[in-house]
Structures are given as C-alpha cells and as structure tokens.
PDB file of N, CA and C in Angstrom:
ATOM      1  N   MET A   1      43.571 -28.320  14.012  1.00  0.00           N
ATOM      2  CA  MET A   1      44.299 -28.501  12.774  1.00  0.00           C
ATOM      3  C   MET A   1      43.274 -28.589  11.573  1.00  0.00           C
ATOM      4  N   CYS A   2      42.162 -29.288  11.766  1.00  0.00           N
ATOM      5  CA  CYS A   2      41.210 -29.463  10.703  1.00  0.00           C
ATOM      6  C   CYS A   2      40.490 -28.151  10.444  1.00  0.00           C
ATOM      7  N   ARG A   3      40.167 -27.382  11.536  1.00  0.00           N
ATOM      8  CA  ARG A   3      39.498 -26.070  11.331  1.00  0.00           C
ATOM      9  C   ARG A   3      40.366 -25.128  10.622  1.00  0.00           C
ATOM     10  N   CYS A   4      41.679 -25.123  10.914  1.00  0.00           N
ATOM     11  CA  CYS A   4      42.591 -24.262  10.267  1.00  0.00           C
ATOM     12  C   CYS A   4      42.717 -24.609   8.769  1.00  0.00           C
ATOM     13  N   ALA A   5      42.798 -25.850   8.463  1.00  0.00           N
ATOM     14  CA  ALA A   5      42.869 -26.291   7.050  1.00  0.00           C
ATOM     15  C   ALA A   5      41.595 -25.904   6.281  1.00  0.00           C
ATOM     16  N   ALA A   6      40.453 -26.065   6.916  1.00  0.00           N
ATOM     17  CA  ALA A   6      39.203 -25.684   6.313  1.00  0.00           C
ATOM     18  C   ALA A   6      39.141 -24.185   6.075  1.00  0.00           C
ATOM     19  N   GLY A   7      39.605 -23.411   7.014  1.00  0.00           N
ATOM     20  CA  GLY A   7      39.636 -21.951   6.860  1.00  0.00           C
ATOM     21  C   GLY A   7      40.557 -21.501   5.754  1.00  0.00           C
ATOM     22  N   VAL A   8      41.705 -22.161   5.621  1.00  0.00           N
ATOM     23  CA  VAL A   8      42.621 -21.790   4.503  1.00  0.00           C
ATOM     24  C   VAL A   8      41.969 -22.217   3.184  1.00  0.00           C
ATOM     25  N   ALA A   9      41.326 -23.369   3.113  1.00  0.00           N
ATOM     26  CA  ALA A   9      40.679 -23.819   1.851  1.00  0.00           C
ATOM     27  C   ALA A   9      39.548 -22.857   1.420  1.00  0.00           C
ATOM     28  N   PHE A  10      38.710 -22.497   2.393  1.00  0.00           N
ATOM     29  CA  PHE A  10      37.657 -21.585   2.052  1.00  0.00           C
ATOM     30  C   PHE A  10      38.172 -20.172   1.641  1.00  0.00           C
ATOM     31  N   THR A  11      39.210 -19.729   2.289  1.00  0.00           N
ATOM     32  CA  THR A  11      39.831 -18.452   1.949  1.00  0.00           C
ATOM     33  C   THR A  11      40.404 -18.522   0.525  1.00  0.00           C
ATOM     34  N   ALA A  12      41.051 -19.562   0.201  1.00  0.00           N
ATOM     35  CA  ALA A  12      41.602 -19.735  -1.149  1.00  0.00           C
ATOM     36  C   ALA A  12      40.491 -19.807  -2.156  1.00  0.00           C
ATOM     37  N   LEU A  13      39.429 -20.455  -1.892  1.00  0.00           N
ATOM     38  CA  LEU A  13      38.246 -20.518  -2.739  1.00  0.00           C
ATOM     39  C   LEU A  13      37.678 -19.146  -2.994  1.00  0.00           C
ATOM     40  N   TRP A  14      37.566 -18.394  -1.866  1.00  0.00           N
ATOM     41  CA  TRP A  14      36.921 -17.023  -2.017  1.00  0.00           C
ATOM     42  C   TRP A  14      37.874 -16.148  -2.874  1.00  0.00           C
ATOM     43  N   TRP A  15      39.209 -16.195  -2.657  1.00  0.00           N
ATOM     44  CA  TRP A  15      40.086 -15.370  -3.481  1.00  0.00           C
ATOM     45  C   TRP A  15      40.084 -15.816  -4.945  1.00  0.00           C
ATOM     46  N   TRP A  16      39.918 -17.134  -5.167  1.00  0.00           N
ATOM     47  CA  TRP A  16      39.850 -17.557  -6.550  1.00  0.00           C
ATOM     48  C   TRP A  16      38.596 -16.999  -7.233  1.00  0.00           C
ATOM     49  N   ALA A  17      37.469 -17.022  -6.545  1.00  0.00           N
ATOM     50  CA  ALA A  17      36.232 -16.471  -7.098  1.00  0.00           C
ATOM     51  C   ALA A  17      36.362 -14.932  -7.297  1.00  0.00           C
ATOM     52  N   ALA A  18      36.909 -14.234  -6.322  1.00  0.00           N
ATOM     53  CA  ALA A  18      36.977 -12.804  -6.484  1.00  0.00           C
ATOM     54  C   ALA A  18      37.963 -12.408  -7.626  1.00  0.00           C
ATOM     55  N   ALA A  19      39.056 -13.131  -7.776  1.00  0.00           N
ATOM     56  CA  ALA A  19      40.032 -12.877  -8.841  1.00  0.00           C
ATOM     57  C   ALA A  19      39.379 -13.171 -10.219  1.00  0.00           C
ATOM     58  N   ARG A  20      38.643 -14.245 -10.311  1.00  0.00           N
ATOM     59  CA  ARG A  20      37.911 -14.585 -11.557  1.00  0.00           C
ATOM     60  C   ARG A  20      36.899 -13.498 -11.920  1.00  0.00           C
ATOM     61  N   LEU A  21      36.183 -13.018 -10.934  1.00  0.00           N
ATOM     62  CA  LEU A  21      35.176 -11.960 -11.216  1.00  0.00           C
ATOM     63  C   LEU A  21      35.885 -10.722 -11.747  1.00  0.00           C
ATOM     64  N   LEU A  22      37.030 -10.357 -11.185  1.00  0.00           N
ATOM     65  CA  LEU A  22      37.727  -9.165 -11.653  1.00  0.00           C
ATOM     66  C   LEU A  22      38.564  -9.350 -12.942  1.00  0.00           C
ATOM     67  N   LEU A  23      39.053 -10.524 -13.164  1.00  0.00           N
ATOM     68  CA  LEU A  23      40.019 -10.662 -14.267  1.00  0.00           C
ATOM     69  C   LEU A  23      39.522 -11.538 -15.446  1.00  0.00           C
ATOM     70  N   ALA A  24      38.606 -12.376 -15.257  1.00  0.00           N
ATOM     71  CA  ALA A  24      38.175 -13.236 -16.324  1.00  0.00           C
ATOM     72  C   ALA A  24      36.843 -12.791 -16.950  1.00  0.00           C
ATOM     73  N   PRO A  25      36.848 -12.618 -18.251  1.00  0.00           N
ATOM     74  CA  PRO A  25      35.602 -12.158 -18.948  1.00  0.00           C
ATOM     75  C   PRO A  25      34.497 -13.172 -18.925  1.00  0.00           C
ATOM     76  N   ASP A  26      34.845 -14.455 -18.713  1.00  0.00           N
ATOM     77  CA  ASP A  26      33.786 -15.493 -18.715  1.00  0.00           C
ATOM     78  C   ASP A  26      33.355 -15.947 -17.310  1.00  0.00           C
ATOM     79  N   ALA A  27      33.685 -15.147 -16.276  1.00  0.00           N
ATOM     80  CA  ALA A  27      33.207 -15.476 -14.934  1.00  0.00           C
ATOM     81  C   ALA A  27      31.701 -15.417 -14.863  1.00  0.00           C
ATOM     82  N   GLY A  28      31.139 -16.327 -14.116  1.00  0.00           N
ATOM     83  CA  GLY A  28      29.709 -16.378 -14.073  1.00  0.00           C
ATOM     84  C   GLY A  28      29.103 -16.377 -12.683  1.00  0.00           C
ATOM     85  N   ALA A  29      27.941 -17.072 -12.636  1.00  0.00           N
ATOM     86  CA  ALA A  29      27.143 -17.045 -11.415  1.00  0.00           C
ATOM     87  C   ALA A  29      27.828 -17.791 -10.244  1.00  0.00           C
ATOM     88  N   LEU A  30      28.585 -18.872 -10.578  1.00  0.00           N
ATOM     89  CA  LEU A  30      29.255 -19.615  -9.558  1.00  0.00           C
ATOM     90  C   LEU A  30      30.257 -18.749  -8.801  1.00  0.00           C
ATOM     91  N   GLU A  31      31.087 -18.037  -9.540  1.00  0.00           N
ATOM     92  CA  GLU A  31      32.068 -17.172  -8.910  1.00  0.00           C
ATOM     93  C   GLU A  31      31.424 -16.075  -8.117  1.00  0.00           C
ATOM     94  N   GLY A  32      30.307 -15.501  -8.662  1.00  0.00           N
ATOM     95  CA  GLY A  32      29.603 -14.496  -7.942  1.00  0.00           C
ATOM     96  C   GLY A  32      28.971 -14.996  -6.653  1.00  0.00           C
ATOM     97  N   ALA A  33      28.441 -16.230  -6.709  1.00  0.00           N
ATOM     98  CA  ALA A  33      27.798 -16.736  -5.509  1.00  0.00           C
ATOM     99  C   ALA A  33      28.878 -17.034  -4.421  1.00  0.00           C
ATOM    100  N   VAL A  34      30.018 -17.566  -4.811  1.00  0.00           N
ATOM    101  CA  VAL A  34      31.084 -17.866  -3.875  1.00  0.00           C
ATOM    102  C   VAL A  34      31.614 -16.612  -3.244  1.00  0.00           C
ATOM    103  N   ALA A  35      31.812 -15.579  -4.070  1.00  0.00           N
ATOM    104  CA  ALA A  35      32.345 -14.263  -3.554  1.00  0.00           C
ATOM    105  C   ALA A  35      31.292 -13.628  -2.633  1.00  0.00           C
ATOM    106  N   ALA A  36      30.056 -13.634  -3.013  1.00  0.00           N
ATOM    107  CA  ALA A  36      29.025 -13.011  -2.215  1.00  0.00           C
ATOM    108  C   ALA A  36      28.836 -13.766  -0.880  1.00  0.00           C
ATOM    109  N   GLY A  37      28.891 -15.079  -0.916  1.00  0.00           N
ATOM    110  CA  GLY A  37      28.772 -15.919   0.252  1.00  0.00           C
ATOM    111  C   GLY A  37      29.927 -15.731   1.250  1.00  0.00           C
ATOM    112  N   GLY A  38      31.076 -15.650   0.721  1.00  0.00           N
ATOM    113  CA  GLY A  38      32.256 -15.399   1.558  1.00  0.00           C
ATOM    114  C   GLY A  38      32.223 -14.023   2.156  1.00  0.00           C
ATOM    115  N   TRP A  39      31.782 -13.032   1.444  1.00  0.00           N
ATOM    116  CA  TRP A  39      31.679 -11.691   2.040  1.00  0.00           C
ATOM    117  C   TRP A  39      30.584 -11.673   3.089  1.00  0.00           C
ATOM    118  N   GLY A  40      29.480 -12.387   2.844  1.00  0.00           N
ATOM    119  CA  GLY A  40      28.395 -12.426   3.841  1.00  0.00           C
ATOM    120  C   GLY A  40      28.868 -13.043   5.119  1.00  0.00           C
ATOM    121  N   LEU A  41      29.642 -14.066   5.036  1.00  0.00           N
ATOM    122  CA  LEU A  41      30.159 -14.711   6.255  1.00  0.00           C
ATOM    123  C   LEU A  41      31.105 -13.833   6.977  1.00  0.00           C
ATOM    124  N   SER A  42      31.811 -12.951   6.238  1.00  0.00           N
ATOM    125  CA  SER A  42      32.807 -12.067   6.930  1.00  0.00           C
ATOM    126  C   SER A  42      32.193 -11.025   7.797  1.00  0.00           C
ATOM    127  N   VAL A  43      30.897 -10.745   7.516  1.00  0.00           N
ATOM    128  CA  VAL A  43      30.236  -9.695   8.362  1.00  0.00           C
ATOM    129  C   VAL A  43      29.411 -10.241   9.499  1.00  0.00           C
ATOM    130  N   LEU A  44      29.486 -11.538   9.680  1.00  0.00           N
ATOM    131  CA  LEU A  44      28.748 -12.081  10.831  1.00  0.00           C
ATOM    132  C   LEU A  44      29.383 -11.613  12.156  1.00  0.00           C
ATOM    133  N   PRO A  45      28.556 -11.325  13.108  1.00  0.00           N
ATOM    134  CA  PRO A  45      29.091 -10.808  14.386  1.00  0.00           C
ATOM    135  C   PRO A  45      29.584 -11.967  15.282  1.00  0.00           C
ATOM    136  N   VAL A  46      30.664 -12.605  14.911  1.00  0.00           N
ATOM    137  CA  VAL A  46      31.160 -13.793  15.633  1.00  0.00           C
ATOM    138  C   VAL A  46      31.827 -13.383  16.953  1.00  0.00           C
ATOM    139  N   HIS A  47      32.101 -12.091  17.162  1.00  0.00           N
ATOM    140  CA  HIS A  47      32.787 -11.619  18.324  1.00  0.00           C
ATOM    141  C   HIS A  47      31.816 -11.225  19.431  1.00  0.00           C
ATOM    142  N   CYS A  48      30.496 -11.336  19.202  1.00  0.00           N
ATOM    143  CA  CYS A  48      29.512 -10.909  20.133  1.00  0.00           C
ATOM    144  C   CYS A  48      29.364 -11.954  21.256  1.00  0.00           C
ATOM    145  N   LEU A  49      28.905 -11.466  22.393  1.00  0.00           N
ATOM    146  CA  LEU A  49      28.609 -12.318  23.558  1.00  0.00           C
ATOM    147  C   LEU A  49      27.117 -12.429  23.745  1.00  0.00           C
ATOM    148  N   PRO A  50      26.660 -13.496  24.412  1.00  0.00           N
ATOM    149  CA  PRO A  50      25.276 -13.516  24.830  1.00  0.00           C
ATOM    150  C   PRO A  50      24.986 -12.319  25.729  1.00  0.00           C
ATOM    151  N   LYS A  51      23.767 -11.784  25.710  1.00  0.00           N
ATOM    152  CA  LYS A  51      23.396 -10.617  26.410  1.00  0.00           C
ATOM    153  C   LYS A  51      23.684 -10.746  27.918  1.00  0.00           C
ATOM    154  N   ALA A  52      23.464 -11.924  28.470  1.00  0.00           N
ATOM    155  CA  ALA A  52      23.679 -12.110  29.935  1.00  0.00           C
ATOM    156  C   ALA A  52      25.130 -11.969  30.316  1.00  0.00           C
ATOM    157  N   ARG A  53      26.024 -12.212  29.415  1.00  0.00           N
ATOM    158  CA  ARG A  53      27.499 -12.106  29.720  1.00  0.00           C
ATOM    159  C   ARG A  53      28.114 -10.749  29.371  1.00  0.00           C
ATOM    160  N   ALA A  54      27.373  -9.931  28.681  1.00  0.00           N
ATOM    161  CA  ALA A  54      27.931  -8.647  28.203  1.00  0.00           C
ATOM    162  C   ALA A  54      28.058  -7.663  29.384  1.00  0.00           C
ATOM    163  N   ASP A  55      29.088  -6.807  29.352  1.00  0.00           N
ATOM    164  CA  ASP A  55      29.244  -5.821  30.345  1.00  0.00           C
ATOM    165  C   ASP A  55      28.134  -4.820  30.235  1.00  0.00           C
ATOM    166  N   GLY A  56      27.542  -4.480  31.346  1.00  0.00           N
ATOM    167  CA  GLY A  56      26.469  -3.470  31.407  1.00  0.00           C
ATOM    168  C   GLY A  56      25.128  -4.037  30.859  1.00  0.00           C
ATOM    169  N   ALA A  57      24.954  -5.283  30.735  1.00  0.00           N
ATOM    170  CA  ALA A  57      23.719  -5.828  30.246  1.00  0.00           C
ATOM    171  C   ALA A  57      22.550  -5.622  31.202  1.00  0.00           C
ATOM    172  N   LEU A  58      21.413  -5.349  30.668  1.00  0.00           N
ATOM    173  CA  LEU A  58      20.243  -5.083  31.495  1.00  0.00           C
ATOM    174  C   LEU A  58      19.537  -6.408  31.753  1.00  0.00           C
ATOM    175  N   ALA A  59      18.926  -6.453  32.914  1.00  0.00           N
ATOM    176  CA  ALA A  59      18.204  -7.725  33.277  1.00  0.00           C
ATOM    177  C   ALA A  59      17.003  -7.931  32.379  1.00  0.00           C
ATOM    178  N   ALA A  60      16.667  -9.189  32.161  1.00  0.00           N
ATOM    179  CA  ALA A  60      15.511  -9.536  31.373  1.00  0.00           C
ATOM    180  C   ALA A  60      14.209  -9.058  32.075  1.00  0.00           C
ATOM    181  N   GLY A  61      13.308  -8.482  31.324  1.00  0.00           N
ATOM    182  CA  GLY A  61      12.062  -8.006  31.858  1.00  0.00           C
ATOM    183  C   GLY A  61      12.121  -6.607  32.486  1.00  0.00           C
ATOM    184  N   ARG A  62      13.230  -5.874  32.343  1.00  0.00           N
ATOM    185  CA  ARG A  62      13.423  -4.588  32.900  1.00  0.00           C
ATOM    186  C   ARG A  62      12.328  -3.630  32.399  1.00  0.00           C
ATOM    187  N   TRP A  63      12.086  -3.605  31.129  1.00  0.00           N
ATOM    188  CA  TRP A  63      11.081  -2.685  30.568  1.00  0.00           C
ATOM    189  C   TRP A  63       9.642  -3.061  30.958  1.00  0.00           C
ATOM    190  N   ARG A  64       9.409  -4.319  31.073  1.00  0.00           N
ATOM    191  CA  ARG A  64       8.049  -4.746  31.494  1.00  0.00           C
ATOM    192  C   ARG A  64       7.750  -4.323  32.902  1.00  0.00           C
ATOM    193  N   ARG A  65       8.730  -4.451  33.802  1.00  0.00           N
ATOM    194  CA  ARG A  65       8.539  -4.019  35.183  1.00  0.00           C
ATOM    195  C   ARG A  65       8.398  -2.533  35.298  1.00  0.00           C
ATOM    196  N   ALA A  66       9.178  -1.769  34.475  1.00  0.00           N
ATOM    197  CA  ALA A  66       9.024  -0.342  34.491  1.00  0.00           C
ATOM    198  C   ALA A  66       7.640   0.103  33.981  1.00  0.00           C
ATOM    199  N   TRP A  67       7.199  -0.551  32.953  1.00  0.00           N
ATOM    200  CA  TRP A  67       5.843  -0.245  32.357  1.00  0.00           C
ATOM    201  C   TRP A  67       4.761  -0.455  33.404  1.00  0.00           C
ATOM    202  N   ARG A  68       4.813  -1.640  34.086  1.00  0.00           N
ATOM    203  CA  ARG A  68       3.805  -1.960  35.074  1.00  0.00           C
ATOM    204  C   ARG A  68       3.863  -1.018  36.266  1.00  0.00           C
ATOM    205  N   ALA A  69       5.056  -0.630  36.696  1.00  0.00           N
ATOM    206  CA  ALA A  69       5.170   0.351  37.775  1.00  0.00           C
ATOM    207  C   ALA A  69       4.583   1.691  37.406  1.00  0.00           C
ATOM    208  N   ALA A  70       4.782   2.135  36.164  1.00  0.00           N
ATOM    209  CA  ALA A  70       4.272   3.396  35.790  1.00  0.00           C
ATOM    210  C   ALA A  70       2.770   3.444  35.631  1.00  0.00           C
ATOM    211  N   ARG A  71       2.154   2.277  35.385  1.00  0.00           N
ATOM    212  CA  ARG A  71       0.711   2.210  35.192  1.00  0.00           C
ATOM    213  C   ARG A  71      -0.021   2.096  36.539  1.00  0.00           C
ATOM    214  N   LYS A  72       0.650   1.898  37.641  1.00  0.00           N
ATOM    215  CA  LYS A  72       0.028   1.810  38.967  1.00  0.00           C
ATOM    216  C   LYS A  72      -0.530   3.194  39.326  1.00  0.00           C
ATOM    217  N   PRO A  73      -1.648   3.236  39.985  1.00  0.00           N
ATOM    218  CA  PRO A  73      -2.243   4.542  40.382  1.00  0.00           C
ATOM    219  C   PRO A  73      -1.274   5.285  41.306  1.00  0.00           C
ATOM    220  N   GLY A  74      -1.114   6.541  41.087  1.00  0.00           N
ATOM    221  CA  GLY A  74      -0.274   7.392  41.929  1.00  0.00           C
ATOM    222  C   GLY A  74       1.221   7.385  41.511  1.00  0.00           C
ATOM    223  N   ALA A  75       1.614   6.598  40.508  1.00  0.00           N
ATOM    224  CA  ALA A  75       2.935   6.566  40.097  1.00  0.00           C
ATOM    225  C   ALA A  75       3.205   7.659  39.083  1.00  0.00           C
ATOM    226  N   GLU A  76       4.352   8.291  39.194  1.00  0.00           N
ATOM    227  CA  GLU A  76       4.704   9.386  38.281  1.00  0.00           C
ATOM    228  C   GLU A  76       5.577   8.843  37.177  1.00  0.00           C
TER     229      GLU A  76
END
C-alpha cells in the first residue's frame, strides 16, 4: 500500500514538472531536475536478473580457463 502511494506521488510530481516545463514560461531548474531525474529512473534495468539466474548464463571464470588452456604447449 505504501509503495503504491509513493509511486503515485512520484508520478504526479514528475507529470507536474514535465507540464510546467512545456507550458509555463517561468519554469526553472527545479522542474528540469525533477523531470530529468524521473526520466533517468525510468530507464533503469529493473527487470534484469543476476547473471547466475539468467537463462543461458555462462559460468564465472569461463574466459580465464579458456585462455589458460590455449596457452598450454601443444594446444591449438
């Protein structure tokens, strides 16, 4: 409940700032900062998973093992 209310409040604040930037001739740095900050948060990759849980994830150290194996004498 609290997270939903905070989300609605931040969304309303962002829309207020964006509308003031577009419509009010006296809009300033505060509105610009709020609008830019809200846009920046919207592009965060919150849908991503940790690498270990992702489908098709490669094991840690895979490249290091391949590099060492290639440097051994007689390896192609």
